[in-house]
Protein backbone atom coordinates (compact mmCIF):
# COMPACT_ATOMS: atom_id res chain seq x y z
CA MET A 1 -21.72 8.66 2.49
CA ARG A 2 -18.93 6.69 0.63
CA THR A 3 -16.02 5.88 2.03
CA ILE A 4 -12.60 5.08 1.44
CA SER A 5 -10.63 2.54 3.73
CA ILE A 6 -6.65 3.14 4.58
CA ILE A 7 -4.89 0.07 5.21
CA THR A 8 -1.73 0.22 7.45
CA ALA A 9 -0.15 -2.78 9.03
CA VAL A 10 2.36 -1.37 12.30
CA HIS A 11 4.71 -3.14 15.47
CA HIS A 12 5.87 -2.47 18.17
CA GLY A 13 8.87 -0.18 18.01
CA GLY A 14 7.70 0.74 14.53
CA HIS A 15 4.91 3.12 15.65
CA GLN A 16 6.67 6.42 16.94
CA PHE A 17 5.43 7.98 13.13
CA LEU A 18 2.38 6.91 13.82
CA GLY A 19 0.93 10.39 14.66
CA GLU A 20 1.93 12.29 11.99
CA ALA A 21 0.86 9.71 9.26
CA TYR A 22 -2.38 10.44 11.14
CA GLU A 23 -2.17 14.45 11.10
CA SER A 24 -1.53 13.77 7.38
CA LEU A 25 -4.57 11.45 7.17
CA ARG A 26 -7.05 13.84 9.34
CA GLU A 27 -5.69 17.34 7.11
CA GLN A 28 -7.08 15.28 3.42
CA LYS A 29 -9.70 17.10 2.07
CA LEU A 30 -12.09 14.94 0.82
CA PRO A 31 -15.28 14.78 -2.19
CA GLY A 32 -18.26 15.71 -0.40
CA ASP A 33 -19.95 12.37 -0.41
CA TRP A 34 -16.48 11.13 1.03
CA GLU A 35 -15.49 10.23 4.54
CA TRP A 36 -12.13 7.70 5.59
CA GLU A 37 -11.89 5.31 8.11
CA TRP A 38 -8.50 3.71 9.06
CA CYS A 39 -8.14 0.23 10.04
CA LEU A 40 -4.88 -0.46 11.60
CA GLN A 41 -3.44 -3.42 12.32
CA GLU A 42 -0.51 -4.24 14.89
CA ASP A 43 1.92 -7.53 13.47
CA GLY A 44 1.80 -8.72 17.64
CA THR A 45 -0.68 -8.59 20.80
CA SER A 46 1.44 -6.08 22.60
CA GLY A 47 -1.65 -3.35 22.10
CA ILE A 48 1.92 -0.62 23.01
CA PRO A 49 1.54 1.10 18.95
CA ALA A 50 -2.86 1.71 20.30
CA LEU A 51 -1.13 3.70 22.55
CA SER A 52 0.01 6.54 20.00
CA LEU A 53 -3.39 6.87 18.76
CA PRO A 54 -5.74 9.75 19.50
CA ASP A 55 -9.72 8.81 20.07
CA ASP A 56 -11.10 9.05 16.65
CA PRO A 57 -14.02 6.65 16.07
CA ARG A 58 -12.87 6.61 12.23
CA ILE A 59 -9.45 4.42 13.02
CA LYS A 60 -10.30 1.13 13.45
CA TRP A 61 -7.69 -0.62 15.23
CA GLY A 62 -6.30 -4.84 15.34
CA THR A 63 -3.91 -6.74 16.85
CA GLY A 64 -2.97 -10.50 15.89
CA LEU A 65 -0.19 -13.51 16.16
CA ARG A 66 3.31 -11.78 14.62
CA ALA A 67 2.50 -13.16 10.89
CA ARG A 68 4.58 -10.05 9.07
CA THR A 69 2.93 -7.51 7.03
CA ALA A 70 1.08 -8.87 4.71
CA VAL A 71 -1.14 -10.95 7.32
CA ALA A 72 -0.76 -7.54 9.73
CA ARG A 73 -2.60 -5.89 6.27
CA THR A 74 -4.82 -8.62 5.07
CA HIS A 75 -6.47 -8.68 8.44
CA ALA A 76 -7.09 -5.06 8.57
CA LEU A 77 -8.55 -5.54 5.29
CA ALA A 78 -11.52 -7.45 6.63
CA ARG A 79 -12.16 -4.60 9.21
CA ALA A 80 -12.50 -2.39 6.30
CA THR A 81 -16.14 -0.84 5.07
CA GLY A 82 -14.85 1.65 2.17
CA ASP A 83 -15.81 1.65 -1.58
CA VAL A 84 -12.42 1.30 -2.48
CA ILE A 85 -8.78 0.24 -0.46
CA ARG A 86 -5.66 2.20 -0.02
CA THR A 87 -2.29 0.93 0.86
CA LEU A 88 -0.33 3.67 3.83
CA ASP A 89 2.83 3.00 5.38
CA ALA A 90 2.63 2.79 9.05
CA ASP A 91 6.43 5.87 8.56
CA ASP A 92 4.83 7.28 5.65
CA VAL A 93 2.93 10.97 5.42
CA LEU A 94 -0.41 11.99 3.08
CA LEU A 95 0.37 14.88 0.77
CA PRO A 96 -2.21 17.14 0.58
CA GLY A 97 -4.56 15.67 -1.74
CA ALA A 98 -3.27 11.95 -2.15
CA LEU A 99 -6.99 10.80 -1.13
CA GLU A 100 -8.59 12.32 -3.80
CA ARG A 101 -6.80 11.94 -7.16
CA ASP A 102 -7.31 7.98 -5.86
CA ILE A 103 -10.84 8.44 -5.51
CA GLU A 104 -11.24 10.28 -8.63
CA THR A 105 -8.83 7.94 -10.39
CA LEU A 106 -10.73 5.37 -8.99
CA GLY A 107 -14.48 6.35 -10.52
CA ARG A 108 -12.88 5.00 -14.13
CA VAL A 109 -10.63 2.21 -13.70
CA ALA A 110 -10.44 -0.52 -11.33
CA TRP A 111 -7.08 0.29 -9.29
CA CYS A 112 -4.02 2.73 -9.35
CA VAL A 113 -0.36 3.96 -7.92
CA SER A 114 0.59 7.05 -7.41
CA ALA A 115 4.45 9.22 -7.19
CA CYS A 116 6.48 9.57 -4.19
CA VAL A 117 8.53 11.69 -2.45
CA ASP A 118 12.09 10.28 -0.29
CA LEU A 119 11.67 11.84 2.86
CA HIS A 120 15.82 10.84 4.31
CA GLU A 121 16.60 11.51 7.76
CA ASP A 122 18.26 14.90 7.14
CA GLY A 123 14.80 16.13 6.15
CA SER A 124 14.96 16.37 2.59
CA THR A 125 13.19 15.37 0.31
CA ALA A 126 13.95 13.32 -3.52
CA PRO A 127 11.62 13.17 -6.29
CA GLY A 128 11.23 8.92 -7.13
CA PRO A 129 13.84 8.92 -10.23
CA CYS A 130 11.69 6.49 -12.41
CA ASP A 131 8.49 7.05 -12.47
CA PRO A 132 6.79 6.38 -15.53
CA PRO A 133 3.71 8.69 -17.46
CA GLY A 134 1.08 9.51 -15.01
CA GLY A 135 -2.68 8.05 -16.87
CA PRO A 136 -3.23 4.50 -17.92
CA VAL A 137 -1.01 1.86 -17.30
CA GLU A 138 -0.04 -0.46 -20.15
CA PRO A 139 -0.81 -3.76 -19.23
CA GLY A 140 1.76 -5.73 -18.36
CA ARG A 141 4.24 -2.66 -17.79
CA PHE A 142 4.92 -3.25 -13.70
CA TYR A 143 5.10 -7.16 -14.59
CA ARG A 144 8.34 -6.92 -17.23
CA GLU A 145 9.76 -4.68 -14.84
CA VAL A 146 10.07 -6.85 -11.86
CA THR A 147 11.12 -8.84 -13.77
CA GLU A 148 13.80 -6.48 -14.88
CA ASP A 149 14.36 -5.69 -11.71
CA ARG A 150 13.53 -2.24 -12.07
CA LEU A 151 10.33 -1.61 -11.34
CA SER A 152 9.20 2.04 -11.22
CA VAL A 153 6.53 3.13 -9.02
CA GLN A 154 6.80 2.13 -4.97
CA ALA A 155 3.94 -0.20 -4.47
CA VAL A 156 3.22 0.76 -1.02
CA THR A 157 0.88 3.66 -2.73
CA PHE A 158 -1.42 0.83 -4.53
CA ALA A 159 -5.35 1.62 -4.25
CA ALA A 160 -7.93 -0.45 -5.46
CA HIS A 161 -11.52 -1.22 -5.52
CA ARG A 162 -12.02 -2.81 -1.89
CA ARG A 163 -13.40 -5.97 -3.90
CA LEU A 164 -10.75 -6.30 -6.14
CA ALA A 165 -8.61 -6.59 -3.06
CA LEU A 166 -10.65 -9.61 -1.39
CA ALA A 167 -11.25 -11.04 -4.61
CA LEU A 168 -7.30 -11.58 -5.25
CA GLY A 169 -7.27 -12.32 -1.55
CA GLY A 170 -5.42 -9.18 0.25
CA TRP A 171 -2.00 -9.71 0.31
CA GLN A 172 -0.11 -12.37 -0.42
CA ALA A 173 1.65 -14.20 2.09
CA LEU A 174 4.58 -13.26 1.49
CA SER A 175 7.72 -11.78 3.96
CA GLY A 176 7.87 -9.04 1.56
CA ALA A 177 6.69 -7.24 -1.49
CA GLU A 178 3.59 -8.35 -0.51
CA THR A 179 2.15 -5.29 -2.24
CA VAL A 180 4.39 -5.56 -5.26
CA ALA A 181 2.34 -8.94 -5.23
CA LEU A 182 -1.00 -7.04 -4.85
CA LEU A 183 -0.48 -4.38 -7.50
CA LEU A 184 0.96 -7.03 -10.35
CA ALA A 185 -2.41 -9.35 -9.46
CA ALA A 186 -4.28 -6.66 -10.50
CA GLU A 187 -2.48 -5.40 -12.66
CA VAL A 188 -3.42 -8.73 -14.77
CA VAL A 189 -7.26 -8.91 -14.32
CA ALA A 190 -8.10 -5.18 -14.66
CA PRO A 191 -6.80 -1.72 -15.79
CA GLY A 192 -5.02 0.72 -13.89
CA GLU A 193 -3.21 4.21 -13.70
CA PHE A 194 -0.46 5.81 -13.00
CA ILE A 195 -1.29 9.67 -10.76
CA ALA A 196 2.14 11.65 -11.63
CA GLU A 197 1.29 13.75 -8.61
CA PRO A 198 2.52 13.01 -5.66
CA SER A 199 0.60 11.22 -2.88
CA VAL A 200 3.42 10.33 -0.22
CA LEU A 201 6.52 11.22 1.33
CA TYR A 202 7.93 7.76 1.16
CA ARG A 203 10.37 7.85 4.93
CA LYS A 204 13.82 6.58 4.16
CA HIS A 205 15.68 5.62 7.54
CA PRO A 206 17.79 2.48 9.05
CA HIS A 207 15.01 0.87 10.90
CA GLN A 208 12.69 0.68 8.02
CA THR A 209 12.16 -3.58 7.03
CA THR A 210 13.40 -2.87 3.34
CA ALA A 211 17.09 -1.32 5.16
CA SER A 212 17.63 -4.67 6.71
CA ASP A 213 20.28 -6.33 5.29
CA ARG A 214 19.00 -9.50 6.34
CA TYR A 215 15.41 -8.81 3.84
CA TRP A 216 17.67 -8.88 0.81
CA GLU A 217 19.11 -12.39 1.52
CA PRO A 218 19.79 -13.85 -1.69
CA GLY A 219 17.35 -16.96 -1.68
CA GLU A 220 14.52 -15.56 0.09
CA ALA A 221 14.01 -12.60 -1.90
CA ALA A 222 14.21 -15.07 -5.10
CA THR A 223 11.96 -16.72 -3.74
CA ARG A 224 10.08 -13.71 -2.58
CA ILE A 225 9.56 -12.01 -6.47
CA SER A 226 9.25 -16.08 -7.88
CA ALA A 227 6.09 -16.85 -6.29
CA LEU A 228 4.34 -13.14 -6.56
CA LEU A 229 5.46 -13.34 -10.17
CA GLN A 230 3.75 -17.26 -10.58
CA ARG A 231 0.97 -16.01 -9.20
CA ALA A 232 0.40 -13.19 -11.86
CA ASP A 233 1.00 -16.27 -14.26
CA ALA A 234 -1.88 -18.33 -13.17
CA LEU A 235 -4.05 -15.55 -13.09
CA ARG A 236 -3.05 -14.58 -16.69
CA GLU A 237 -3.52 -18.27 -17.97
CA SER A 238 -6.52 -18.54 -16.22
CA ASN A 239 -8.06 -15.78 -18.54
CA TRP A 240 -10.21 -14.28 -15.55
CA THR A 241 -10.67 -10.98 -15.52
CA TRP A 242 -12.62 -8.31 -13.12
């Protein structure tokens, strides 16, 4: 059997939707020779979010010192055994066929991202307003969009070959936008695709990290973007490809 590893960071207080995430994962239909594992890392050591999880041997749980999402995801990656990995936020829900489409696409390219549907608190949904066309991603497209402050995809849909994610150092140690950083780094060194079929319900609620005014403090937000662009620039200048 081949494995797709789902990578999730969670913190005490942000775990109330883990049950829904698990059910959406359990209902995924995979190709006959594939299975999934769910690698979760608590950003903290309370152990309380784990109480929301069922007794399922496919779940790999860990805890660690609080260091924000990038570090938690990279710790989860260290426990992954899959040929490919897929990011899933703790408050999101996978849509039917999401993992199967990732696996099929990663048979052609090194990484992919996909469309998503916003899920609002009142239960209403709305598609992404700026989705690019499905298929191969033009080299440098997402880098240019970030420099213009108009990224057209939700980078939390990122999926890739595990060895690529490891070679790039996992999620860049930033206070946010860490998945954008990994997307831009992957875009520099390997071809990827955009999957036009939505893969996730992206939950919008007042407690999510990006809903905080503090998250958007101008100086820190600018530093995050500068750091991830500098890493992409350094990779491009090295001429290294995966």
